[in-house]
Structures are given as C-alpha cells and as structure tokens.
Amino acid sequence: MIKKLDLLVIKAFVGPFIATFFITLLVLVMQFFWLYIDDFVGKGLGIGLILEFIGYQSTSLVPLALPLAVLLSSLMTFGNLGESYELVAIKSAGISLLRFMRPLFFVSILISGLAFLFSNYIIPVSNLKSRTMLTDIVYAKPAFDLKEGVFYDKIPGFSIKIGKKEENDSVIRDIIIYEQKDYLQDNFIVASDGIMRIADNKRDLEFHLKNGWRYEERGNPGTPTEFIRLGFKEYRKSFDLSSFGLQQRTADSVNKNNARMLSMRQLNTAIDSIKKVNAKIGERVKNDVFSIVSMTAHIDSNWKSTHTPVTKKSFDAFIPDSVRTIVQQRAQAKIESMRNATETELLTYKEQSRTLRLYKIEWHKKLTLSLACVVLFLIGAPLGSIIRKGGLGTPLVFAIGFFMVFYFSSTSGEKFAKEGSWGMVTGMWFSFLILIPVGVFLTYKAMHDSQVFNKDFYSRLAKKLPFRKRKNV
C-alpha cells in the first residue's frame, strides 16, 4: 500500500513539474528577448541563427527555471490532493504528512543533483556560446534595407537615395548616390533608372544604372579644384556588404576566462591562482615602495629598537640652511613616488580581490541554485497541503510570491557579497537563511492541520470579534 502511495504522489507530481518547467523556461527566455529586442531587430538574422541562440540561452536559464518549477508543481500536487480530500484519507489511515512527502523529497534531491551536474558541466559551455553570439548580434550592423525617398547612410563613405522601387525590388528609379572621398571633395551619381541585385558572392550589392550623370570634384587642399561631369548610358557600381549581419563569428576563446564559463574544478584552480597573486602583493610593496628610499637598504635589526637617546635634536638642526630647501624638495619627491607606487599596488589588490569575489560567487551559485530545488519543495509541499487548492490559480500566486522572496534575497545577498560588504557565505546563502525557517514553520503547521491560509478560518475569527456590529433581532 505504501509503495502504491509513493507511485501515486510521484505520478501526480511529474505531470505538473514538466508542464511548469517548460512554461517557466519559456517565460524566462521571452523576458530575455524583451530586454534585447532592439538589438535583434533589423540585423537580418536567419531562422537557424535565432534558433541556435534560443537553444543556448534556454540551456543557461535551466538552473533558474528548475526551482520555480519544483515550487509550483509541489504546490499544485499537494493542493490537488488536499482539495480532493485524498490527504485527509491518507492521514486517516495513520500515514503522516512527512511520510507522504518522502518520495517527492527524494525526487527533489535527484532534481537538485541533476541541476548541479547541469550547472557544472553544461551551463559553462552554453554561457560561453550564448555570450559570444549575443556580443556578435549586438555589435552587428543593421541589415541593408533601402527605403523609397530616404537617404541610407549605413555604408561608410556613401549615402544612397532611391525615388521608387518596383514590386520585385530589383528595378529602381530616380537614384542618387552621394560619395564622400575626403572632407573637401564630394562626388555624385544621378540616374533615371537601374537594377539593384546582390552579387553571386553574397557580399556585394551591385547597381546597374542607366541614363545618368556622374559629377566628380578633383583637386588638392589650397588649390583650385576641377569639376568633371560625365554622362553615361550604363554604369555599374558595387558596394561591399561584408560588414553587415554576422558574416564572421567571434571565437569562443575570447570569453573563456569569464567566471560564468568555468566549472567548479576550473573555478578552484582560478581561485587558488588569485590567492597566490594577492599573497605576493605585500612582498612587491616592500620591494617596490621601500626601494625608492635608499636608506632602507641599510636597515639592520636595531631599527625597531625602543631605546630613547638622552638628547633629542630636530632633524633640521643637522641640515645646513643652504641645502635645506633642496633636501625638502627631494624628500617631497620621494614621498610622492612612494605614494604613487603604493596606490598602484592598492588598485591592483582591489581589482584582484574583486575578481576573487566574482569567482567565489560563481562557485557558491552552482550549489545554491541546485539546493534551492530542495528548499523550495520544503515550502511548496506543506503550503499546498495547507491551502488545499489545486489548479494553476491560487498555487501560482503563492509560488510567485515565495519565488520573488527567494530571487530578491539571493540577488541582494550576491550584491553585498560582490561589494565585499558581507562575507561570501552570508551573502550567497542569505536566501536559505530566510526560506529554511519558513519551510520548517510551514511543515509544522501542515502536520498539525493549521488554518493559516484558510479564509473561512479568518471569517469565523472576524465574527467573534467584540467590536463587530450585530444585527438587532
């Protein structure tokens, strides 16, 4: 009987989990495209390229979609069982809620383990691919698109205007091509009609112009210029379009040292290397800064002596008046050099410390996003058994609320950890410090059939209030 119950709850969980996971992933991908929609429009991107980028981006968003899917599906599962009174029947049979939650708890641990493997081995590769493609797309020029009556100036050194295009977009009329060779000389080509087409090499745009004039200005700065007018029956002009769109893809190795592109083993190696570099900064300060002052080379073991001489004299008393100004200037120059050298090493130390924090953040994030599946299940399962509402309405409201708490607390903790205001463990595990007590509280309330989220309970409680007006009989 127990095994049948385990299969029952697992089957009830799998369907909502798969559905909510893909819905959540779709929402996250659409949110990403909403942020970068302006960078994608007008770039002439092919369907294959867009699908490839969606695949990489979807893969990189899986660790964020899994916790929300686990939370929402566990809420729906236990809410449906509670709404149909199956939980009541199970408890009446002497089976505790914790025992009923056990199979899904192990399933959430399995999902957490798969999420970790995914984050450690697949996400770095997908992040590398998507980051490289996104950079290429953002910095790519807009696709070549000539509109009637509008000057097009995206081709360097040229501005093109077409009066009218036929339906096939090949036959064009009233063409003006403005060419600027340098800041003094301008050339024009004017034609009544022509044919526009892409060359066979797919890199050039060819204009076959007819019945027009070419106006050219020649000369050197400071000398009289020549104005040449040339009439033609046919004229061919080519424009290089190789810089438009994504003709060449950036190599993935450009972003390979980014912390998000590394596995935990690679992050450990990088963290150890940065720590060794930081440990050597103190020695560099001693060698580079103190070497500016020549007297430091003669310091012996007595320089820290606390012995106080019997007679004290000012340092100025040993310097003749004739050289006092020169000595002061040299001392100020030495101090300025030491200060500059110290500030340089300080900036290096701060930058290395910031990089070290970024690598540590990514190391902890691989664990926190994975274990979030278990923590959010411990919230969703007891909460579903308390509210006893199935479907997608009420569970979705609670799921969004708790996920926002998880997301904002994680983001805030990561921000403080990145700035160095909080410790790395406190910052990266801040959301767990908030949600684990909530999960324990909800589990306790669910085991004791709490009425915390039952509106009828609050309605009955409001009727018992002494200040509530009662109708006269």
Protein backbone atom coordinates (compact mmCIF):
# COMPACT_ATOMS: atom_id res chain seq x y z
CA MET A 1 0.00 0.00 0.00
CA ILE A 2 2.80 2.37 0.88
CA LYS A 3 4.53 1.75 -2.44
CA LYS A 4 1.31 2.46 -4.28
CA LEU A 5 1.01 5.75 -2.43
CA ASP A 6 4.59 6.61 -3.37
CA LEU A 7 3.83 5.96 -7.02
CA LEU A 8 0.59 7.93 -6.69
CA VAL A 9 2.28 11.07 -5.39
CA ILE A 10 5.17 10.78 -7.85
CA LYS A 11 2.80 10.43 -10.82
CA ALA A 12 0.76 13.37 -9.54
CA PHE A 13 3.97 15.44 -9.35
CA VAL A 14 5.65 14.56 -12.67
CA GLY A 15 2.96 15.98 -14.95
CA PRO A 16 2.72 19.45 -13.35
CA PHE A 17 6.50 19.58 -12.98
CA ILE A 18 7.18 19.02 -16.69
CA ALA A 19 4.47 21.50 -17.70
CA THR A 20 5.52 24.23 -15.27
CA PHE A 21 9.21 23.76 -16.10
CA PHE A 22 8.74 24.42 -19.81
CA ILE A 23 6.30 27.27 -19.15
CA THR A 24 8.76 28.88 -16.73
CA LEU A 25 11.63 28.40 -19.14
CA LEU A 26 9.60 29.97 -21.95
CA VAL A 27 8.74 32.98 -19.76
CA LEU A 28 12.39 33.49 -18.79
CA VAL A 29 13.52 33.27 -22.42
CA MET A 30 10.85 35.73 -23.52
CA GLN A 31 11.89 38.09 -20.74
CA PHE A 32 15.46 37.95 -22.03
CA PHE A 33 14.37 38.70 -25.60
CA TRP A 34 12.21 41.55 -24.34
CA LEU A 35 15.32 43.17 -22.86
CA TYR A 36 17.38 42.74 -26.06
CA ILE A 37 14.64 43.06 -28.69
CA ASP A 38 16.07 46.36 -30.00
CA ASP A 39 19.44 44.71 -30.63
CA PHE A 40 17.88 41.89 -32.67
CA VAL A 41 15.58 43.89 -34.92
CA GLY A 42 16.91 44.85 -38.34
CA LYS A 43 20.03 42.68 -38.21
CA GLY A 44 18.94 40.28 -40.95
CA LEU A 45 19.35 37.24 -38.67
CA GLY A 46 18.43 33.88 -40.14
CA ILE A 47 16.00 31.45 -38.54
CA GLY A 48 18.78 28.95 -37.91
CA LEU A 49 20.89 31.52 -36.08
CA ILE A 50 17.96 32.64 -33.92
CA LEU A 51 17.05 29.04 -33.02
CA GLU A 52 20.68 28.31 -32.16
CA PHE A 53 20.82 31.31 -29.85
CA ILE A 54 17.48 30.37 -28.23
CA GLY A 55 18.86 26.90 -27.57
CA TYR A 56 21.98 28.21 -25.85
CA GLN A 57 20.04 30.81 -23.87
CA SER A 58 17.39 28.31 -22.79
CA THR A 59 20.09 25.98 -21.54
CA SER A 60 21.71 28.73 -19.47
CA LEU A 61 18.34 29.56 -17.85
CA VAL A 62 17.57 25.98 -16.75
CA PRO A 63 19.07 26.38 -13.21
CA LEU A 64 16.75 29.33 -12.58
CA ALA A 65 13.67 27.62 -14.03
CA LEU A 66 14.05 24.38 -12.04
CA PRO A 67 13.50 25.83 -8.52
CA LEU A 68 10.38 27.70 -9.61
CA ALA A 69 9.05 24.60 -11.38
CA VAL A 70 9.63 22.47 -8.27
CA LEU A 71 7.91 25.05 -6.06
CA LEU A 72 4.88 25.46 -8.32
CA SER A 73 4.46 21.75 -9.12
CA SER A 74 4.71 20.71 -5.45
CA LEU A 75 2.11 23.35 -4.57
CA MET A 76 -0.21 22.09 -7.31
CA THR A 77 0.32 18.42 -6.40
CA PHE A 78 -0.44 18.72 -2.69
CA GLY A 79 -3.11 21.33 -3.35
CA ASN A 80 -4.95 18.95 -5.69
CA LEU A 81 -4.63 16.08 -3.22
CA GLY A 82 -5.91 18.30 -0.42
CA GLU A 83 -8.79 19.68 -2.49
CA SER A 84 -9.96 16.16 -3.39
CA TYR A 85 -9.65 15.07 0.29
CA GLU A 86 -7.08 12.43 -0.57
CA LEU A 87 -4.71 13.89 2.01
CA VAL A 88 -7.43 13.57 4.64
CA ALA A 89 -7.92 9.91 3.75
CA ILE A 90 -4.18 9.26 3.87
CA LYS A 91 -3.86 10.90 7.29
CA SER A 92 -6.89 8.92 8.49
CA ALA A 93 -5.04 5.74 7.55
CA GLY A 94 -2.29 6.67 10.00
CA ILE A 95 0.23 7.90 7.43
CA SER A 96 1.92 11.12 8.46
CA LEU A 97 2.48 14.03 6.11
CA LEU A 98 6.26 13.65 6.36
CA ARG A 99 6.00 10.03 5.26
CA PHE A 100 3.79 11.06 2.36
CA MET A 101 6.25 13.81 1.38
CA ARG A 102 9.25 11.45 1.50
CA PRO A 103 9.14 10.14 -2.10
CA LEU A 104 8.91 13.65 -3.54
CA PHE A 105 11.65 14.80 -1.18
CA PHE A 106 13.98 12.22 -2.74
CA VAL A 107 12.76 13.28 -6.19
CA SER A 108 13.65 16.90 -5.36
CA ILE A 109 17.09 15.76 -4.22
CA LEU A 110 17.50 13.93 -7.54
CA ILE A 111 16.44 17.06 -9.42
CA SER A 112 18.89 19.07 -7.32
CA GLY A 113 21.72 16.68 -8.22
CA LEU A 114 20.86 16.84 -11.91
CA ALA A 115 20.71 20.64 -11.67
CA PHE A 116 24.20 20.68 -10.16
CA LEU A 117 25.62 18.45 -12.89
CA PHE A 118 23.88 20.63 -15.45
CA SER A 119 25.29 23.81 -13.89
CA ASN A 120 28.78 22.41 -13.59
CA TYR A 121 29.28 20.81 -16.99
CA ILE A 122 26.70 22.12 -19.48
CA ILE A 123 25.91 25.67 -18.34
CA PRO A 124 29.52 26.94 -18.73
CA VAL A 125 29.54 25.83 -22.38
CA SER A 126 26.10 27.29 -23.12
CA ASN A 127 27.04 30.55 -21.37
CA LEU A 128 30.18 30.76 -23.48
CA LYS A 129 28.29 30.17 -26.72
CA SER A 130 25.38 32.48 -25.91
CA ARG A 131 27.64 35.30 -24.65
CA THR A 132 29.73 35.16 -27.83
CA MET A 133 26.67 35.10 -30.08
CA LEU A 134 24.96 37.90 -28.14
CA THR A 135 28.06 40.10 -28.47
CA ASP A 136 28.21 39.46 -32.21
CA ILE A 137 24.50 40.24 -32.62
CA VAL A 138 24.56 43.41 -30.51
CA TYR A 139 27.55 44.88 -32.34
CA ALA A 140 26.48 43.77 -35.80
CA LYS A 141 25.35 46.48 -38.20
CA PRO A 142 21.68 46.66 -39.22
CA ALA A 143 20.72 44.68 -42.30
CA PHE A 144 20.85 46.53 -45.63
CA ASP A 145 17.40 47.95 -46.31
CA LEU A 146 16.79 50.76 -48.82
CA LYS A 147 13.53 52.65 -48.46
CA GLU A 148 11.92 54.93 -51.02
CA GLY A 149 12.67 58.64 -50.66
CA VAL A 150 15.05 58.21 -47.69
CA PHE A 151 18.83 58.59 -47.71
CA TYR A 152 20.56 55.41 -46.49
CA ASP A 153 23.93 56.23 -44.87
CA LYS A 154 24.94 52.96 -43.16
CA ILE A 155 27.56 52.16 -45.81
CA PRO A 156 30.74 54.06 -44.83
CA GLY A 157 31.50 56.93 -47.27
CA PHE A 158 28.20 56.65 -49.19
CA SER A 159 24.64 57.91 -48.95
CA ILE A 160 22.04 56.40 -51.29
CA LYS A 161 18.55 57.58 -52.12
CA ILE A 162 16.04 55.79 -54.33
CA GLY A 163 12.91 57.56 -55.53
CA LYS A 164 10.90 54.45 -56.29
CA LYS A 165 11.24 50.66 -56.18
CA GLU A 166 9.15 48.30 -58.27
CA GLU A 167 7.30 45.39 -56.69
CA ASN A 168 10.15 42.96 -57.31
CA ASP A 169 12.59 45.37 -55.51
CA SER A 170 15.07 44.94 -58.38
CA VAL A 171 14.04 47.74 -60.72
CA ILE A 172 14.74 51.13 -59.16
CA ARG A 173 14.17 54.68 -60.39
CA ASP A 174 15.43 58.20 -59.61
CA ILE A 175 18.70 57.11 -58.00
CA ILE A 176 21.09 59.47 -56.19
CA ILE A 177 24.41 58.16 -54.88
CA TYR A 178 26.45 60.57 -52.79
CA GLU A 179 30.11 59.62 -52.29
CA GLN A 180 32.49 61.48 -49.98
CA LYS A 181 36.14 60.75 -50.74
CA ASP A 182 37.54 63.19 -48.16
CA TYR A 183 36.40 66.22 -46.23
CA LEU A 184 36.82 68.57 -49.23
CA GLN A 185 35.68 66.61 -52.28
CA ASP A 186 32.23 65.18 -52.95
CA ASN A 187 31.04 63.05 -55.87
CA PHE A 188 27.50 62.44 -57.09
CA ILE A 189 25.90 59.87 -59.34
CA VAL A 190 22.42 60.56 -60.64
CA ALA A 191 20.49 58.08 -62.78
CA SER A 192 16.93 57.84 -64.01
CA ASP A 193 16.59 54.09 -63.58
CA GLY A 194 18.54 50.92 -62.95
CA ILE A 195 18.63 47.42 -61.49
CA MET A 196 19.72 46.53 -57.93
CA ARG A 197 20.76 42.99 -57.01
CA ILE A 198 23.00 41.02 -54.66
CA ALA A 199 26.14 39.63 -56.28
CA ASP A 200 26.77 35.91 -56.57
CA ASN A 201 29.34 36.05 -53.74
CA LYS A 202 26.60 37.33 -51.37
CA ARG A 203 28.98 40.06 -50.17
CA ASP A 204 28.44 42.84 -52.73
CA LEU A 205 25.45 44.93 -53.72
CA GLU A 206 25.52 45.76 -57.44
CA PHE A 207 23.81 48.74 -59.09
CA HIS A 208 23.39 48.61 -62.89
CA LEU A 209 22.49 52.23 -63.60
CA LYS A 210 21.17 53.65 -66.87
CA ASN A 211 20.78 57.12 -68.38
CA GLY A 212 22.55 59.26 -65.81
CA TRP A 213 25.40 61.59 -64.93
CA ARG A 214 28.45 61.35 -62.73
CA TYR A 215 29.73 64.56 -61.09
CA GLU A 216 33.26 64.46 -59.74
CA GLU A 217 35.37 67.07 -57.98
CA ARG A 218 39.17 66.82 -58.18
CA GLY A 219 41.92 68.86 -56.62
CA ASN A 220 44.18 69.31 -53.60
CA PRO A 221 43.61 71.43 -50.48
CA GLY A 222 44.56 75.08 -51.08
CA THR A 223 44.50 74.79 -54.90
CA PRO A 224 41.70 75.31 -57.43
CA THR A 225 39.60 72.21 -57.97
CA GLU A 226 38.31 70.69 -61.20
CA PHE A 227 34.67 69.87 -61.70
CA ILE A 228 34.04 66.97 -64.06
CA ARG A 229 30.67 65.90 -65.43
CA LEU A 230 30.39 62.56 -67.18
CA GLY A 231 27.23 61.30 -68.89
CA PHE A 232 26.61 57.59 -69.29
CA LYS A 233 24.13 55.20 -70.83
CA GLU A 234 25.12 52.35 -68.49
CA TYR A 235 27.16 52.45 -65.29
CA ARG A 236 27.96 49.73 -62.76
CA LYS A 237 28.58 50.46 -59.06
CA SER A 238 29.33 47.88 -56.37
CA PHE A 239 29.08 48.24 -52.59
CA ASP A 240 30.76 45.92 -50.08
CA LEU A 241 28.22 44.44 -47.64
CA SER A 242 30.58 42.07 -45.84
CA SER A 243 30.37 44.17 -42.67
CA PHE A 244 26.59 43.73 -42.41
CA GLY A 245 24.99 40.98 -40.36
CA LEU A 246 27.02 38.13 -38.90
CA GLN A 247 29.37 37.22 -41.71
CA GLN A 248 32.08 36.18 -39.25
CA ARG A 249 31.58 34.72 -35.78
CA THR A 250 33.83 35.65 -32.87
CA ALA A 251 35.90 32.78 -31.48
CA ASP A 252 34.62 31.30 -28.21
CA SER A 253 38.10 31.57 -26.69
CA VAL A 254 37.59 35.34 -26.28
CA ASN A 255 35.30 34.79 -23.25
CA LYS A 256 36.78 31.57 -21.90
CA ASN A 257 38.26 33.21 -18.76
CA ASN A 258 34.93 34.63 -17.61
CA ALA A 259 33.87 33.18 -14.25
CA ARG A 260 30.48 32.09 -15.63
CA MET A 261 32.21 29.95 -18.26
CA LEU A 262 34.09 27.75 -15.78
CA SER A 263 33.26 24.54 -13.92
CA MET A 264 33.88 24.15 -10.19
CA ARG A 265 37.23 22.48 -10.78
CA GLN A 266 38.32 25.33 -13.02
CA LEU A 267 36.98 27.86 -10.54
CA ASN A 268 39.01 26.24 -7.73
CA THR A 269 42.16 26.48 -9.86
CA ALA A 270 41.47 30.14 -10.68
CA ILE A 271 40.72 31.00 -7.04
CA ASP A 272 43.99 29.41 -5.88
CA SER A 273 45.91 31.35 -8.52
CA ILE A 274 44.35 34.67 -7.49
CA LYS A 275 45.09 33.99 -3.82
CA LYS A 276 48.75 33.38 -4.67
CA VAL A 277 48.89 36.64 -6.61
CA ASN A 278 47.37 38.54 -3.68
CA ALA A 279 49.84 36.96 -1.28
CA LYS A 280 52.73 38.34 -3.34
CA ILE A 281 51.43 41.90 -3.34
CA GLY A 282 52.85 42.53 0.15
CA GLU A 283 56.32 41.49 -0.99
CA ARG A 284 56.01 43.71 -4.05
CA VAL A 285 55.08 46.68 -1.87
CA LYS A 286 58.12 46.08 0.30
CA ASN A 287 60.43 45.76 -2.70
CA ASP A 288 58.96 48.42 -4.99
CA VAL A 289 57.96 51.07 -2.48
CA PHE A 290 60.79 50.82 0.01
CA SER A 291 63.39 50.60 -2.74
CA ILE A 292 62.66 54.25 -3.58
CA VAL A 293 64.27 55.29 -0.27
CA SER A 294 67.94 54.38 -0.36
CA MET A 295 68.35 54.27 3.43
CA THR A 296 66.09 51.20 3.70
CA ALA A 297 68.91 49.12 2.26
CA HIS A 298 70.96 49.81 5.41
CA ILE A 299 68.28 48.97 7.96
CA ASP A 300 69.54 46.40 10.45
CA SER A 301 67.94 44.56 13.34
CA ASN A 302 68.14 47.60 15.62
CA TRP A 303 65.75 49.75 13.58
CA LYS A 304 62.84 48.67 15.75
CA SER A 305 64.68 49.41 18.98
CA THR A 306 62.71 51.28 21.64
CA HIS A 307 65.85 52.85 23.10
CA THR A 308 65.41 56.60 23.53
CA PRO A 309 68.52 58.74 23.19
CA VAL A 310 69.43 61.01 26.04
CA THR A 311 69.45 64.16 23.95
CA LYS A 312 66.98 64.90 21.20
CA LYS A 313 67.60 67.25 18.34
CA SER A 314 65.41 68.29 15.48
CA PHE A 315 66.22 66.81 12.08
CA ASP A 316 66.51 70.35 10.70
CA ALA A 317 69.35 71.02 13.13
CA PHE A 318 71.61 68.68 11.19
CA ILE A 319 70.88 70.30 7.80
CA PRO A 320 72.65 73.50 6.76
CA ASP A 321 70.41 76.36 5.72
CA SER A 322 71.95 76.45 2.24
CA VAL A 323 70.67 72.97 1.30
CA ARG A 324 67.53 72.80 3.41
CA THR A 325 65.21 73.73 0.55
CA ILE A 326 66.80 71.17 -1.78
CA VAL A 327 66.51 68.44 0.86
CA GLN A 328 62.84 69.25 1.43
CA GLN A 329 62.09 69.14 -2.29
CA ARG A 330 63.86 65.78 -2.67
CA ALA A 331 62.05 64.40 0.38
CA GLN A 332 58.70 65.51 -1.04
CA ALA A 333 59.57 63.90 -4.39
CA LYS A 334 60.45 60.63 -2.63
CA ILE A 335 57.22 60.70 -0.63
CA GLU A 336 55.20 61.38 -3.79
CA SER A 337 56.89 58.46 -5.57
CA MET A 338 56.19 56.16 -2.61
CA ARG A 339 52.56 57.29 -2.52
CA ASN A 340 52.09 56.67 -6.25
CA ALA A 341 53.69 53.24 -6.02
CA THR A 342 51.53 52.36 -3.00
CA GLU A 343 48.33 53.50 -4.76
CA THR A 344 49.21 51.42 -7.81
CA GLU A 345 49.66 48.29 -5.70
CA LEU A 346 46.46 49.13 -3.80
CA LEU A 347 44.47 49.36 -7.04
CA THR A 348 45.94 46.04 -8.15
CA TYR A 349 44.98 44.44 -4.84
CA LYS A 350 41.40 45.81 -5.02
CA GLU A 351 40.97 44.57 -8.60
CA GLN A 352 42.33 41.13 -7.73
CA SER A 353 40.08 40.99 -4.66
CA ARG A 354 37.04 41.91 -6.76
CA THR A 355 37.92 39.23 -9.32
CA LEU A 356 38.38 36.72 -6.50
CA ARG A 357 34.91 37.56 -5.15
CA LEU A 358 33.37 37.08 -8.61
CA TYR A 359 34.93 33.62 -8.93
CA LYS A 360 33.79 32.65 -5.43
CA ILE A 361 30.27 33.89 -6.19
CA GLU A 362 30.03 31.62 -9.23
CA TRP A 363 31.39 28.73 -7.16
CA HIS A 364 28.69 29.18 -4.50
CA LYS A 365 25.99 29.87 -7.08
CA LYS A 366 26.37 26.39 -8.57
CA LEU A 367 25.44 24.99 -5.16
CA THR A 368 22.75 27.47 -4.14
CA LEU A 369 20.73 27.24 -7.36
CA SER A 370 20.85 23.44 -7.14
CA LEU A 371 19.89 23.14 -3.47
CA ALA A 372 17.15 25.72 -3.99
CA CYS A 373 15.08 22.91 -5.55
CA VAL A 374 15.04 21.07 -2.21
CA VAL A 375 14.39 24.18 -0.11
CA LEU A 376 11.52 25.39 -2.27
CA PHE A 377 10.00 21.89 -2.24
CA LEU A 378 10.01 22.03 1.57
CA ILE A 379 7.95 25.22 1.22
CA GLY A 380 5.67 24.16 -1.63
CA ALA A 381 4.62 20.74 -0.33
CA PRO A 382 3.38 21.78 3.15
CA LEU A 383 1.94 25.02 1.77
CA GLY A 384 -0.09 23.06 -0.80
CA SER A 385 -1.46 20.77 1.90
CA ILE A 386 -2.45 23.83 3.94
CA ILE A 387 -4.22 25.88 1.26
CA ARG A 388 -5.85 22.77 -0.30
CA LYS A 389 -6.39 24.47 -3.63
CA GLY A 390 -5.49 22.77 -6.90
CA GLY A 391 -5.23 24.07 -10.42
CA LEU A 392 -2.98 26.88 -11.53
CA GLY A 393 -4.63 29.95 -9.96
CA THR A 394 -4.03 30.01 -6.21
CA PRO A 395 -0.80 27.92 -6.30
CA LEU A 396 0.63 30.28 -8.94
CA VAL A 397 0.04 33.32 -6.71
CA PHE A 398 1.80 31.74 -3.73
CA ALA A 399 4.58 30.32 -5.91
CA ILE A 400 5.34 33.70 -7.46
CA GLY A 401 5.35 35.32 -4.02
CA PHE A 402 7.81 32.87 -2.47
CA PHE A 403 9.97 32.76 -5.60
CA MET A 404 10.23 36.56 -5.55
CA VAL A 405 11.40 36.34 -1.93
CA PHE A 406 13.97 33.75 -2.96
CA TYR A 407 15.12 35.69 -6.04
CA PHE A 408 15.37 39.11 -4.41
CA SER A 409 17.08 37.80 -1.29
CA SER A 410 19.56 35.87 -3.46
CA THR A 411 20.20 38.92 -5.63
CA SER A 412 20.64 41.20 -2.61
CA GLY A 413 22.98 38.79 -0.88
CA GLU A 414 25.02 38.35 -4.06
CA LYS A 415 25.24 42.13 -4.46
CA PHE A 416 26.55 42.64 -0.92
CA ALA A 417 28.98 39.74 -1.34
CA LYS A 418 30.24 41.20 -4.63
CA GLU A 419 30.83 44.57 -2.99
CA GLY A 420 32.61 42.97 -0.04
CA SER A 421 30.08 44.34 2.48
CA TRP A 422 29.06 40.83 3.56
CA GLY A 423 31.01 37.64 3.85
CA MET A 424 30.81 35.24 0.94
CA VAL A 425 28.90 32.53 2.85
CA THR A 426 26.46 35.01 4.41
CA GLY A 427 25.76 36.78 1.12
CA MET A 428 25.40 33.76 -1.14
CA TRP A 429 23.35 31.71 1.34
CA PHE A 430 21.24 34.61 2.61
CA SER A 431 18.10 33.36 0.87
CA PHE A 432 18.48 29.98 2.57
CA LEU A 433 18.68 31.67 5.98
CA ILE A 434 15.27 33.19 5.22
CA LEU A 435 13.50 30.30 3.48
CA ILE A 436 14.60 27.30 5.57
CA PRO A 437 12.89 28.60 8.77
CA VAL A 438 9.80 29.37 6.66
CA GLY A 439 9.83 25.79 5.33
CA VAL A 440 10.18 24.33 8.83
CA PHE A 441 7.31 26.54 10.09
CA LEU A 442 5.01 25.56 7.21
CA THR A 443 5.83 21.87 7.65
CA TYR A 444 4.98 22.09 11.36
CA LYS A 445 1.70 23.86 10.60
CA ALA A 446 0.79 21.35 7.89
CA MET A 447 1.44 18.41 10.22
CA HIS A 448 -0.98 19.93 12.74
CA ASP A 449 -3.67 20.84 10.17
CA SER A 450 -3.12 24.56 10.52
CA GLN A 451 -5.69 27.07 9.26
CA VAL A 452 -3.13 29.77 8.48
CA PHE A 453 -4.15 30.17 4.83
CA ASN A 454 -7.83 29.20 5.14
CA LYS A 455 -10.05 32.23 4.52
CA ASP A 456 -13.00 30.55 6.27
CA PHE A 457 -10.91 30.45 9.44
CA TYR A 458 -10.42 34.21 9.30
CA SER A 459 -14.09 34.76 8.50
CA ARG A 460 -15.11 32.80 11.60
CA LEU A 461 -12.48 34.66 13.63
CA ALA A 462 -13.79 38.04 12.45
CA LYS A 463 -17.32 37.14 13.51
CA LYS A 464 -16.09 36.55 17.08
CA LEU A 465 -14.56 40.00 17.41
CA PRO A 466 -16.29 42.02 20.17
CA PHE A 467 -16.44 45.27 18.20
CA ARG A 468 -18.22 43.67 15.24
CA LYS A 469 -21.73 45.07 14.85
CA ARG A 470 -24.52 42.58 15.27
CA LYS A 471 -27.94 42.82 13.71
CA ASN A 472 -30.83 43.59 16.04
CA VAL A 473 -33.26 40.76 16.39
